[in-house]
Every structure is written in C-alpha cells, then in structure tokens.
C-alpha cells in the first residue's frame, strides 16, 4: 500500500473513528492483499509509511469475499469483477485477508 493511501486511511480513522471504517481491497494477489490488510489493521510491517507502528485495527475485506460480494448488485459485480474472478486465486486471497482480519481487526 503506497504512502499516500496510508496517510488517507490514517486521517479518516482519526476524523471518523476507526470503528466507523471498513477497508475493501481489490489486489490481484493474495500476498499483496495480505500486506495491505495487515497495514490497515496492525500497522505497516515495512515501517516505511504513516501507519508504521500504528495499529488501527480496521476491519478489512477483499472484494471477492462472500461477505462483500453478497452486498453488491449482482449485475454490477459481474460486469466489474466477474472476469477477474476467473483468473485470480480467489481461495488464496480469501484465506490471506480473512486470516489477517481475524488476527488484527478490532471492529
């Protein structure tokens, strides 16, 4: 996750309260999605950005997780994401992000 997005998320958490935020990721690889999930929940593990050492505990999901997919209009989801589901390792992404969420999310 780039430094600018880290700063935006940190600012929103301070302004709105971390309990009022939900982060939805869309990365194509499980490892990258896991790193982003860890960054917004436990803090930047690379210690390079604004979230270094900052544990926001944010709830974080990937767009392909059933909890989020079920909330989307089916036609819009299919149009925007359906094709990508065919080439992504959806199970690995779900496992990675849910594991991080279970470990670090407070809300």
PDB file of N, CA and C in Angstrom:
ATOM      1  N   UNK A   1       0.856  -1.165   0.000  1.00  0.00           N
ATOM      2  CA  UNK A   1       0.000   0.000   0.000  1.00  0.00           C
ATOM      3  C   UNK A   1       0.903   1.228   0.000  1.00  0.00           C
ATOM      4  N   UNK A   2       0.628   2.138  -0.939  1.00  0.00           N
ATOM      5  CA  UNK A   2       1.501   3.299  -1.036  1.00  0.00           C
ATOM      6  C   UNK A   2       1.312   4.250   0.139  1.00  0.00           C
ATOM      7  N   UNK A   3       2.277   5.134   0.301  1.00  0.00           N
ATOM      8  CA  UNK A   3       2.304   6.022   1.462  1.00  0.00           C
ATOM      9  C   UNK A   3       1.139   7.009   1.465  1.00  0.00           C
ATOM     10  N   UNK A   4       0.738   7.436   0.289  1.00  0.00           N
ATOM     11  CA  UNK A   4      -0.384   8.369   0.193  1.00  0.00           C
ATOM     12  C   UNK A   4      -1.681   7.729   0.689  1.00  0.00           C
ATOM     13  N   UNK A   5      -1.936   6.497   0.290  1.00  0.00           N
ATOM     14  CA  UNK A   5      -3.140   5.802   0.761  1.00  0.00           C
ATOM     15  C   UNK A   5      -3.077   5.529   2.261  1.00  0.00           C
ATOM     16  N   UNK A   6      -1.897   5.214   2.763  1.00  0.00           N
ATOM     17  CA  UNK A   6      -1.753   5.034   4.206  1.00  0.00           C
ATOM     18  C   UNK A   6      -2.128   6.322   4.947  1.00  0.00           C
ATOM     19  N   UNK A   7      -1.651   7.437   4.438  1.00  0.00           N
ATOM     20  CA  UNK A   7      -1.948   8.729   5.074  1.00  0.00           C
ATOM     21  C   UNK A   7      -3.441   9.031   5.024  1.00  0.00           C
ATOM     22  N   UNK A   8      -4.080   8.742   3.898  1.00  0.00           N
ATOM     23  CA  UNK A   8      -5.530   8.966   3.783  1.00  0.00           C
ATOM     24  C   UNK A   8      -6.302   8.130   4.796  1.00  0.00           C
ATOM     25  N   UNK A   9      -5.939   6.872   4.900  1.00  0.00           N
ATOM     26  CA  UNK A   9      -6.635   5.975   5.828  1.00  0.00           C
ATOM     27  C   UNK A   9      -6.413   6.418   7.268  1.00  0.00           C
ATOM     28  N   UNK A  10      -5.205   6.803   7.595  1.00  0.00           N
ATOM     29  CA  UNK A  10      -4.909   7.265   8.955  1.00  0.00           C
ATOM     30  C   UNK A  10      -5.737   8.510   9.282  1.00  0.00           C
ATOM     31  N   UNK A  11      -5.797   9.449   8.353  1.00  0.00           N
ATOM     32  CA  UNK A  11      -6.574  10.670   8.553  1.00  0.00           C
ATOM     33  C   UNK A  11      -8.054  10.362   8.735  1.00  0.00           C
ATOM     34  N   UNK A  12      -8.601   9.486   7.888  1.00  0.00           N
ATOM     35  CA  UNK A  12     -10.017   9.111   8.015  1.00  0.00           C
ATOM     36  C   UNK A  12     -10.297   8.430   9.348  1.00  0.00           C
ATOM     37  N   UNK A  13      -9.397   7.571   9.786  1.00  0.00           N
ATOM     38  CA  UNK A  13      -9.583   6.889  11.074  1.00  0.00           C
ATOM     39  C   UNK A  13      -9.580   7.895  12.224  1.00  0.00           C
ATOM     40  N   UNK A  14      -8.732   8.911  12.120  1.00  0.00           N
ATOM     41  CA  UNK A  14      -8.678   9.940  13.162  1.00  0.00           C
ATOM     42  C   UNK A  14      -9.933  10.810  13.141  1.00  0.00           C
ATOM     43  N   UNK A  15     -10.403  11.144  11.944  1.00  0.00           N
ATOM     44  CA  UNK A  15     -11.562  12.025  11.809  1.00  0.00           C
ATOM     45  C   UNK A  15     -12.886  11.328  12.114  1.00  0.00           C
ATOM     46  N   UNK A  16     -13.037  10.100  11.621  1.00  0.00           N
ATOM     47  CA  UNK A  16     -14.318   9.402  11.718  1.00  0.00           C
ATOM     48  C   UNK A  16     -14.368   8.349  12.816  1.00  0.00           C
ATOM     49  N   UNK A  17     -13.215   7.936  13.281  1.00  0.00           N
ATOM     50  CA  UNK A  17     -13.132   6.844  14.242  1.00  0.00           C
ATOM     51  C   UNK A  17     -12.929   5.529  13.514  1.00  0.00           C
ATOM     52  N   UNK A  18     -11.949   4.775  13.946  1.00  0.00           N
ATOM     53  CA  UNK A  18     -11.619   3.505  13.286  1.00  0.00           C
ATOM     54  C   UNK A  18     -12.791   2.543  13.283  1.00  0.00           C
ATOM     55  N   UNK A  19     -13.647   2.628  14.295  1.00  0.00           N
ATOM     56  CA  UNK A  19     -14.808   1.736  14.380  1.00  0.00           C
ATOM     57  C   UNK A  19     -15.836   2.024  13.296  1.00  0.00           C
ATOM     58  N   UNK A  20     -15.708   3.152  12.632  1.00  0.00           N
ATOM     59  CA  UNK A  20     -16.654   3.544  11.579  1.00  0.00           C
ATOM     60  C   UNK A  20     -16.124   3.321  10.167  1.00  0.00           C
ATOM     61  N   UNK A  21     -14.979   2.688  10.044  1.00  0.00           N
ATOM     62  CA  UNK A  21     -14.377   2.450   8.729  1.00  0.00           C
ATOM     63  C   UNK A  21     -14.321   0.963   8.403  1.00  0.00           C
ATOM     64  N   UNK A  22     -14.444   0.687   7.136  1.00  0.00           N
ATOM     65  CA  UNK A  22     -14.283  -0.660   6.601  1.00  0.00           C
ATOM     66  C   UNK A  22     -13.446  -0.522   5.341  1.00  0.00           C
ATOM     67  N   UNK A  23     -12.374  -1.264   5.252  1.00  0.00           N
ATOM     68  CA  UNK A  23     -11.494  -1.198   4.096  1.00  0.00           C
ATOM     69  C   UNK A  23     -11.806  -2.378   3.185  1.00  0.00           C
ATOM     70  N   UNK A  24     -12.027  -2.082   1.913  1.00  0.00           N
ATOM     71  CA  UNK A  24     -12.256  -3.132   0.914  1.00  0.00           C
ATOM     72  C   UNK A  24     -11.108  -3.084  -0.073  1.00  0.00           C
ATOM     73  N   UNK A  25     -10.400  -4.193  -0.160  1.00  0.00           N
ATOM     74  CA  UNK A  25      -9.242  -4.307  -1.049  1.00  0.00           C
ATOM     75  C   UNK A  25      -9.646  -4.923  -2.377  1.00  0.00           C
ATOM     76  N   UNK A  26      -8.788  -4.749  -3.360  1.00  0.00           N
ATOM     77  CA  UNK A  26      -9.059  -5.332  -4.661  1.00  0.00           C
ATOM     78  C   UNK A  26      -7.818  -5.885  -5.340  1.00  0.00           C
ATOM     79  N   UNK A  27      -6.740  -6.047  -4.599  1.00  0.00           N
ATOM     80  CA  UNK A  27      -5.490  -6.542  -5.173  1.00  0.00           C
ATOM     81  C   UNK A  27      -5.628  -7.919  -5.794  1.00  0.00           C
ATOM     82  N   UNK A  28      -4.826  -8.167  -6.816  1.00  0.00           N
ATOM     83  CA  UNK A  28      -4.940  -9.394  -7.591  1.00  0.00           C
ATOM     84  C   UNK A  28      -4.164 -10.574  -7.015  1.00  0.00           C
ATOM     85  N   UNK A  29      -3.307 -10.335  -6.045  1.00  0.00           N
ATOM     86  CA  UNK A  29      -2.503 -11.414  -5.482  1.00  0.00           C
ATOM     87  C   UNK A  29      -2.732 -11.513  -3.977  1.00  0.00           C
ATOM     88  N   UNK A  30      -2.763 -12.723  -3.480  1.00  0.00           N
ATOM     89  CA  UNK A  30      -3.035 -12.961  -2.067  1.00  0.00           C
ATOM     90  C   UNK A  30      -1.998 -12.287  -1.178  1.00  0.00           C
ATOM     91  N   UNK A  31      -0.739 -12.395  -1.534  1.00  0.00           N
ATOM     92  CA  UNK A  31       0.320 -11.824  -0.702  1.00  0.00           C
ATOM     93  C   UNK A  31       0.205 -10.306  -0.624  1.00  0.00           C
ATOM     94  N   UNK A  32      -0.051  -9.662  -1.743  1.00  0.00           N
ATOM     95  CA  UNK A  32      -0.198  -8.204  -1.758  1.00  0.00           C
ATOM     96  C   UNK A  32      -1.435  -7.774  -0.971  1.00  0.00           C
ATOM     97  N   UNK A  33      -2.525  -8.506  -1.121  1.00  0.00           N
ATOM     98  CA  UNK A  33      -3.749  -8.197  -0.379  1.00  0.00           C
ATOM     99  C   UNK A  33      -3.519  -8.385   1.116  1.00  0.00           C
ATOM    100  N   UNK A  34      -2.781  -9.414   1.484  1.00  0.00           N
ATOM    101  CA  UNK A  34      -2.468  -9.657   2.887  1.00  0.00           C
ATOM    102  C   UNK A  34      -1.613  -8.554   3.480  1.00  0.00           C
ATOM    103  N   UNK A  35      -0.656  -8.079   2.717  1.00  0.00           N
ATOM    104  CA  UNK A  35       0.206  -6.993   3.182  1.00  0.00           C
ATOM    105  C   UNK A  35      -0.606  -5.712   3.390  1.00  0.00           C
ATOM    106  N   UNK A  36      -1.497  -5.420   2.455  1.00  0.00           N
ATOM    107  CA  UNK A  36      -2.357  -4.242   2.589  1.00  0.00           C
ATOM    108  C   UNK A  36      -3.300  -4.404   3.781  1.00  0.00           C
ATOM    109  N   UNK A  37      -3.854  -5.596   3.956  1.00  0.00           N
ATOM    110  CA  UNK A  37      -4.750  -5.856   5.088  1.00  0.00           C
ATOM    111  C   UNK A  37      -4.013  -5.677   6.408  1.00  0.00           C
ATOM    112  N   UNK A  38      -2.811  -6.186   6.477  1.00  0.00           N
ATOM    113  CA  UNK A  38      -2.019  -6.047   7.695  1.00  0.00           C
ATOM    114  C   UNK A  38      -1.690  -4.578   7.971  1.00  0.00           C
ATOM    115  N   UNK A  39      -1.399  -3.839   6.928  1.00  0.00           N
ATOM    116  CA  UNK A  39      -1.047  -2.429   7.075  1.00  0.00           C
ATOM    117  C   UNK A  39      -2.176  -1.630   7.715  1.00  0.00           C
ATOM    118  N   UNK A  40      -3.415  -1.853   7.276  1.00  0.00           N
ATOM    119  CA  UNK A  40      -4.535  -1.057   7.803  1.00  0.00           C
ATOM    120  C   UNK A  40      -5.089  -1.591   9.118  1.00  0.00           C
ATOM    121  N   UNK A  41      -4.698  -2.785   9.501  1.00  0.00           N
ATOM    122  CA  UNK A  41      -5.198  -3.323  10.760  1.00  0.00           C
ATOM    123  C   UNK A  41      -4.128  -3.333  11.847  1.00  0.00           C
ATOM    124  N   UNK A  42      -2.936  -3.843  11.545  1.00  0.00           N
ATOM    125  CA  UNK A  42      -1.886  -3.972  12.554  1.00  0.00           C
ATOM    126  C   UNK A  42      -0.824  -2.887  12.463  1.00  0.00           C
ATOM    127  N   UNK A  43      -0.727  -2.234  11.317  1.00  0.00           N
ATOM    128  CA  UNK A  43       0.318  -1.234  11.093  1.00  0.00           C
ATOM    129  C   UNK A  43       1.226  -1.681   9.962  1.00  0.00           C
ATOM    130  N   UNK A  44       1.902  -0.740   9.362  1.00  0.00           N
ATOM    131  CA  UNK A  44       2.772  -1.013   8.215  1.00  0.00           C
ATOM    132  C   UNK A  44       3.938  -1.914   8.615  1.00  0.00           C
ATOM    133  N   UNK A  45       3.948  -3.164   8.150  1.00  0.00           N
ATOM    134  CA  UNK A  45       5.009  -4.089   8.543  1.00  0.00           C
ATOM    135  C   UNK A  45       6.376  -3.734   7.962  1.00  0.00           C
ATOM    136  N   UNK A  46       6.402  -2.846   6.963  1.00  0.00           N
ATOM    137  CA  UNK A  46       7.688  -2.417   6.388  1.00  0.00           C
ATOM    138  C   UNK A  46       8.266  -1.233   7.149  1.00  0.00           C
ATOM    139  N   UNK A  47       7.502  -0.661   8.057  1.00  0.00           N
ATOM    140  CA  UNK A  47       7.895   0.500   8.855  1.00  0.00           C
ATOM    141  C   UNK A  47       8.359   1.663   7.987  1.00  0.00           C
ATOM    142  N   UNK A  48       7.697   1.835   6.830  1.00  0.00           N
ATOM    143  CA  UNK A  48       8.096   2.883   5.896  1.00  0.00           C
ATOM    144  C   UNK A  48       7.060   3.983   5.752  1.00  0.00           C
ATOM    145  N   UNK A  49       5.838   3.737   6.167  1.00  0.00           N
ATOM    146  CA  UNK A  49       4.780   4.696   5.897  1.00  0.00           C
ATOM    147  C   UNK A  49       4.162   5.291   7.141  1.00  0.00           C
ATOM    148  N   UNK A  50       3.139   6.118   6.940  1.00  0.00           N
ATOM    149  CA  UNK A  50       2.449   6.775   8.050  1.00  0.00           C
ATOM    150  C   UNK A  50       1.802   5.800   9.039  1.00  0.00           C
ATOM    151  N   UNK A  51       1.571   4.569   8.627  1.00  0.00           N
ATOM    152  CA  UNK A  51       0.965   3.585   9.526  1.00  0.00           C
ATOM    153  C   UNK A  51       2.013   2.687  10.200  1.00  0.00           C
ATOM    154  N   UNK A  52       3.286   3.055  10.072  1.00  0.00           N
ATOM    155  CA  UNK A  52       4.343   2.299  10.746  1.00  0.00           C
ATOM    156  C   UNK A  52       4.135   2.402  12.251  1.00  0.00           C
ATOM    157  N   UNK A  53       3.958   1.273  12.903  1.00  0.00           N
ATOM    158  CA  UNK A  53       3.753   1.254  14.337  1.00  0.00           C
ATOM    159  C   UNK A  53       2.379   1.728  14.785  1.00  0.00           C
ATOM    160  N   UNK A  54       1.465   1.940  13.833  1.00  0.00           N
ATOM    161  CA  UNK A  54       0.121   2.419  14.145  1.00  0.00           C
ATOM    162  C   UNK A  54      -0.870   1.293  13.908  1.00  0.00           C
ATOM    163  N   UNK A  55      -1.399   0.745  14.973  1.00  0.00           N
ATOM    164  CA  UNK A  55      -2.359  -0.348  14.866  1.00  0.00           C
ATOM    165  C   UNK A  55      -3.771   0.223  14.920  1.00  0.00           C
ATOM    166  N   UNK A  56      -4.378   0.409  13.744  1.00  0.00           N
ATOM    167  CA  UNK A  56      -5.729   0.969  13.683  1.00  0.00           C
ATOM    168  C   UNK A  56      -6.798  -0.073  13.970  1.00  0.00           C
ATOM    169  N   UNK A  57      -6.490  -1.336  13.751  1.00  0.00           N
ATOM    170  CA  UNK A  57      -7.462  -2.403  13.993  1.00  0.00           C
ATOM    171  C   UNK A  57      -8.653  -2.386  13.063  1.00  0.00           C
ATOM    172  N   UNK A  58      -8.497  -1.768  11.890  1.00  0.00           N
ATOM    173  CA  UNK A  58      -9.617  -1.630  10.967  1.00  0.00           C
ATOM    174  C   UNK A  58     -10.105  -2.976  10.450  1.00  0.00           C
ATOM    175  N   UNK A  59     -11.398  -3.050  10.209  1.00  0.00           N
ATOM    176  CA  UNK A  59     -11.965  -4.215   9.533  1.00  0.00           C
ATOM    177  C   UNK A  59     -11.558  -4.129   8.071  1.00  0.00           C
ATOM    178  N   UNK A  60     -11.107  -5.236   7.532  1.00  0.00           N
ATOM    179  CA  UNK A  60     -10.630  -5.235   6.154  1.00  0.00           C
ATOM    180  C   UNK A  60     -11.106  -6.505   5.452  1.00  0.00           C
ATOM    181  N   UNK A  61     -11.606  -6.308   4.244  1.00  0.00           N
ATOM    182  CA  UNK A  61     -12.107  -7.403   3.408  1.00  0.00           C
ATOM    183  C   UNK A  61     -11.578  -7.219   1.998  1.00  0.00           C
ATOM    184  N   UNK A  62     -11.602  -8.292   1.241  1.00  0.00           N
ATOM    185  CA  UNK A  62     -11.310  -8.226  -0.193  1.00  0.00           C
ATOM    186  C   UNK A  62     -12.641  -8.289  -0.922  1.00  0.00           C
ATOM    187  N   UNK A  63     -12.721  -7.630  -2.046  1.00  0.00           N
ATOM    188  CA  UNK A  63     -13.978  -7.558  -2.814  1.00  0.00           C
ATOM    189  C   UNK A  63     -14.502  -8.940  -3.200  1.00  0.00           C
ATOM    190  N   UNK A  64     -13.636  -9.947  -3.302  1.00  0.00           N
ATOM    191  CA  UNK A  64     -14.104 -11.281  -3.694  1.00  0.00           C
ATOM    192  C   UNK A  64     -14.617 -12.108  -2.514  1.00  0.00           C
ATOM    193  N   UNK A  65     -14.495 -11.594  -1.283  1.00  0.00           N
ATOM    194  CA  UNK A  65     -15.003 -12.335  -0.140  1.00  0.00           C
ATOM    195  C   UNK A  65     -16.524 -12.308  -0.145  1.00  0.00           C
ATOM    196  N   UNK A  66     -17.111 -13.418   0.241  1.00  0.00           N
ATOM    197  CA  UNK A  66     -18.561 -13.585   0.182  1.00  0.00           C
ATOM    198  C   UNK A  66     -19.322 -12.499   0.941  1.00  0.00           C
ATOM    199  N   UNK A  67     -18.768 -12.050   2.074  1.00  0.00           N
ATOM    200  CA  UNK A  67     -19.439 -11.030   2.878  1.00  0.00           C
ATOM    201  C   UNK A  67     -19.630  -9.730   2.098  1.00  0.00           C
ATOM    202  N   UNK A  68     -18.680  -9.401   1.252  1.00  0.00           N
ATOM    203  CA  UNK A  68     -18.749  -8.163   0.461  1.00  0.00           C
ATOM    204  C   UNK A  68     -19.476  -8.425  -0.851  1.00  0.00           C
ATOM    205  N   UNK A  69     -19.146  -9.516  -1.495  1.00  0.00           N
ATOM    206  CA  UNK A  69     -19.783  -9.856  -2.773  1.00  0.00           C
ATOM    207  C   UNK A  69     -21.303  -9.899  -2.626  1.00  0.00           C
ATOM    208  N   UNK A  70     -21.790 -10.425  -1.521  1.00  0.00           N
ATOM    209  CA  UNK A  70     -23.239 -10.553  -1.327  1.00  0.00           C
ATOM    210  C   UNK A  70     -23.930  -9.201  -1.173  1.00  0.00           C
ATOM    211  N   UNK A  71     -23.181  -8.170  -0.834  1.00  0.00           N
ATOM    212  CA  UNK A  71     -23.755  -6.832  -0.667  1.00  0.00           C
ATOM    213  C   UNK A  71     -23.811  -6.037  -1.977  1.00  0.00           C
ATOM    214  N   UNK A  72     -23.151  -6.546  -2.999  1.00  0.00           N
ATOM    215  CA  UNK A  72     -23.064  -5.843  -4.283  1.00  0.00           C
ATOM    216  C   UNK A  72     -24.217  -6.227  -5.203  1.00  0.00           C
ATOM    217  N   UNK A  73     -24.617  -5.305  -6.028  1.00  0.00           N
ATOM    218  CA  UNK A  73     -25.567  -5.609  -7.093  1.00  0.00           C
ATOM    219  C   UNK A  73     -24.915  -6.675  -7.984  1.00  0.00           C
ATOM    220  N   UNK A  74     -25.597  -7.778  -8.196  1.00  0.00           N
ATOM    221  CA  UNK A  74     -25.020  -8.912  -8.922  1.00  0.00           C
ATOM    222  C   UNK A  74     -24.570  -8.549 -10.336  1.00  0.00           C
ATOM    223  N   UNK A  75     -25.351  -7.751 -11.030  1.00  0.00           N
ATOM    224  CA  UNK A  75     -25.003  -7.373 -12.400  1.00  0.00           C
ATOM    225  C   UNK A  75     -23.762  -6.490 -12.430  1.00  0.00           C
ATOM    226  N   UNK A  76     -23.680  -5.562 -11.508  1.00  0.00           N
ATOM    227  CA  UNK A  76     -22.514  -4.667 -11.434  1.00  0.00           C
ATOM    228  C   UNK A  76     -21.282  -5.456 -11.045  1.00  0.00           C
ATOM    229  N   UNK A  77     -21.422  -6.343 -10.064  1.00  0.00           N
ATOM    230  CA  UNK A  77     -20.296  -7.170  -9.645  1.00  0.00           C
ATOM    231  C   UNK A  77     -19.789  -7.998 -10.818  1.00  0.00           C
ATOM    232  N   UNK A  78     -20.702  -8.628 -11.520  1.00  0.00           N
ATOM    233  CA  UNK A  78     -20.308  -9.466 -12.660  1.00  0.00           C
ATOM    234  C   UNK A  78     -19.596  -8.642 -13.723  1.00  0.00           C
ATOM    235  N   UNK A  79     -20.120  -7.476 -14.008  1.00  0.00           N
ATOM    236  CA  UNK A  79     -19.530  -6.604 -15.032  1.00  0.00           C
ATOM    237  C   UNK A  79     -18.136  -6.121 -14.634  1.00  0.00           C
ATOM    238  N   UNK A  80     -17.969  -5.767 -13.365  1.00  0.00           N
ATOM    239  CA  UNK A  80     -16.719  -5.161 -12.919  1.00  0.00           C
ATOM    240  C   UNK A  80     -15.676  -6.157 -12.408  1.00  0.00           C
ATOM    241  N   UNK A  81     -16.109  -7.266 -11.844  1.00  0.00           N
ATOM    242  CA  UNK A  81     -15.184  -8.163 -11.160  1.00  0.00           C
ATOM    243  C   UNK A  81     -15.269  -9.608 -11.632  1.00  0.00           C
ATOM    244  N   UNK A  82     -16.406  -9.988 -12.185  1.00  0.00           N
ATOM    245  CA  UNK A  82     -16.630 -11.375 -12.572  1.00  0.00           C
ATOM    246  C   UNK A  82     -15.518 -11.984 -13.407  1.00  0.00           C
ATOM    247  N   UNK A  83     -15.050 -11.259 -14.395  1.00  0.00           N
ATOM    248  CA  UNK A  83     -13.995 -11.774 -15.277  1.00  0.00           C
ATOM    249  C   UNK A  83     -12.692 -12.003 -14.497  1.00  0.00           C
ATOM    250  N   UNK A  84     -12.405 -11.099 -13.578  1.00  0.00           N
ATOM    251  CA  UNK A  84     -11.174 -11.242 -12.802  1.00  0.00           C
ATOM    252  C   UNK A  84     -11.221 -12.465 -11.884  1.00  0.00           C
ATOM    253  N   UNK A  85     -12.399 -12.803 -11.398  1.00  0.00           N
ATOM    254  CA  UNK A  85     -12.509 -13.976 -10.530  1.00  0.00           C
ATOM    255  C   UNK A  85     -12.055 -15.245 -11.242  1.00  0.00           C
ATOM    256  N   UNK A  86     -12.162 -15.250 -12.563  1.00  0.00           N
ATOM    257  CA  UNK A  86     -11.759 -16.436 -13.318  1.00  0.00           C
ATOM    258  C   UNK A  86     -10.252 -16.618 -13.352  1.00  0.00           C
ATOM    259  N   UNK A  87      -9.490 -15.551 -13.178  1.00  0.00           N
ATOM    260  CA  UNK A  87      -8.038 -15.652 -13.277  1.00  0.00           C
ATOM    261  C   UNK A  87      -7.328 -15.484 -11.935  1.00  0.00           C
ATOM    262  N   UNK A  88      -8.036 -14.989 -10.925  1.00  0.00           N
ATOM    263  CA  UNK A  88      -7.440 -14.828  -9.602  1.00  0.00           C
ATOM    264  C   UNK A  88      -7.492 -16.135  -8.820  1.00  0.00           C
ATOM    265  N   UNK A  89      -6.570 -16.264  -7.879  1.00  0.00           N
ATOM    266  CA  UNK A  89      -6.637 -17.382  -6.936  1.00  0.00           C
ATOM    267  C   UNK A  89      -7.514 -16.904  -5.781  1.00  0.00           C
ATOM    268  N   UNK A  90      -8.821 -16.941  -6.002  1.00  0.00           N
ATOM    269  CA  UNK A  90      -9.803 -16.389  -5.064  1.00  0.00           C
ATOM    270  C   UNK A  90      -9.688 -17.044  -3.692  1.00  0.00           C
ATOM    271  N   UNK A  91      -9.513 -18.345  -3.641  1.00  0.00           N
ATOM    272  CA  UNK A  91      -9.422 -19.029  -2.355  1.00  0.00           C
ATOM    273  C   UNK A  91      -8.213 -18.553  -1.551  1.00  0.00           C
ATOM    274  N   UNK A  92      -7.084 -18.378  -2.206  1.00  0.00           N
ATOM    275  CA  UNK A  92      -5.880 -17.912  -1.514  1.00  0.00           C
ATOM    276  C   UNK A  92      -6.064 -16.484  -1.017  1.00  0.00           C
ATOM    277  N   UNK A  93      -6.694 -15.635  -1.809  1.00  0.00           N
ATOM    278  CA  UNK A  93      -6.954 -14.256  -1.402  1.00  0.00           C
ATOM    279  C   UNK A  93      -7.873 -14.228  -0.186  1.00  0.00           C
ATOM    280  N   UNK A  94      -8.961 -14.992  -0.253  1.00  0.00           N
ATOM    281  CA  UNK A  94      -9.898 -15.046   0.874  1.00  0.00           C
ATOM    282  C   UNK A  94      -9.204 -15.520   2.142  1.00  0.00           C
ATOM    283  N   UNK A  95      -8.410 -16.555   2.023  1.00  0.00           N
ATOM    284  CA  UNK A  95      -7.715 -17.121   3.182  1.00  0.00           C
ATOM    285  C   UNK A  95      -6.743 -16.112   3.783  1.00  0.00           C
ATOM    286  N   UNK A  96      -5.996 -15.452   2.934  1.00  0.00           N
ATOM    287  CA  UNK A  96      -4.994 -14.488   3.404  1.00  0.00           C
ATOM    288  C   UNK A  96      -5.639 -13.310   4.124  1.00  0.00           C
ATOM    289  N   UNK A  97      -6.626 -12.698   3.495  1.00  0.00           N
ATOM    290  CA  UNK A  97      -7.248 -11.499   4.079  1.00  0.00           C
ATOM    291  C   UNK A  97      -8.049 -11.858   5.332  1.00  0.00           C
ATOM    292  N   UNK A  98      -8.767 -12.951   5.309  1.00  0.00           N
ATOM    293  CA  UNK A  98      -9.541 -13.322   6.497  1.00  0.00           C
ATOM    294  C   UNK A  98      -8.621 -13.672   7.669  1.00  0.00           C
ATOM    295  N   UNK A  99      -7.481 -14.265   7.385  1.00  0.00           N
ATOM    296  CA  UNK A  99      -6.523 -14.583   8.438  1.00  0.00           C
ATOM    297  C   UNK A  99      -6.001 -13.310   9.105  1.00  0.00           C
ATOM    298  N   UNK A 100      -5.658 -12.330   8.308  1.00  0.00           N
ATOM    299  CA  UNK A 100      -5.189 -11.048   8.847  1.00  0.00           C
ATOM    300  C   UNK A 100      -6.305 -10.381   9.648  1.00  0.00           C
ATOM    301  N   UNK A 101      -7.504 -10.399   9.103  1.00  0.00           N
ATOM    302  CA  UNK A 101      -8.656  -9.781   9.783  1.00  0.00           C
ATOM    303  C   UNK A 101      -8.892 -10.434  11.150  1.00  0.00           C
ATOM    304  N   UNK A 102      -8.838 -11.751  11.195  1.00  0.00           N
ATOM    305  CA  UNK A 102      -9.058 -12.464  12.456  1.00  0.00           C
ATOM    306  C   UNK A 102      -7.999 -12.153  13.498  1.00  0.00           C
ATOM    307  N   UNK A 103      -6.780 -11.935  13.031  1.00  0.00           N
ATOM    308  CA  UNK A 103      -5.679 -11.649  13.943  1.00  0.00           C
ATOM    309  C   UNK A 103      -5.678 -10.227  14.482  1.00  0.00           C
ATOM    310  N   UNK A 104      -5.987  -9.253  13.610  1.00  0.00           N
ATOM    311  CA  UNK A 104      -5.704  -7.864  13.957  1.00  0.00           C
ATOM    312  C   UNK A 104      -6.895  -6.906  13.991  1.00  0.00           C
ATOM    313  N   UNK A 105      -7.981  -7.256  13.349  1.00  0.00           N
ATOM    314  CA  UNK A 105      -9.123  -6.318  13.327  1.00  0.00           C
ATOM    315  C   UNK A 105      -9.791  -6.256  14.697  1.00  0.00           C
ATOM    316  N   UNK A 106     -10.090  -5.054  15.124  1.00  0.00           N
ATOM    317  CA  UNK A 106     -10.729  -4.841  16.428  1.00  0.00           C
ATOM    318  C   UNK A 106     -12.223  -4.564  16.303  1.00  0.00           C
ATOM    319  N   UNK A 107     -12.677  -4.279  15.103  1.00  0.00           N
ATOM    320  CA  UNK A 107     -14.067  -3.840  14.934  1.00  0.00           C
ATOM    321  C   UNK A 107     -14.821  -4.761  13.995  1.00  0.00           C
TER     322      UNK A 107
END
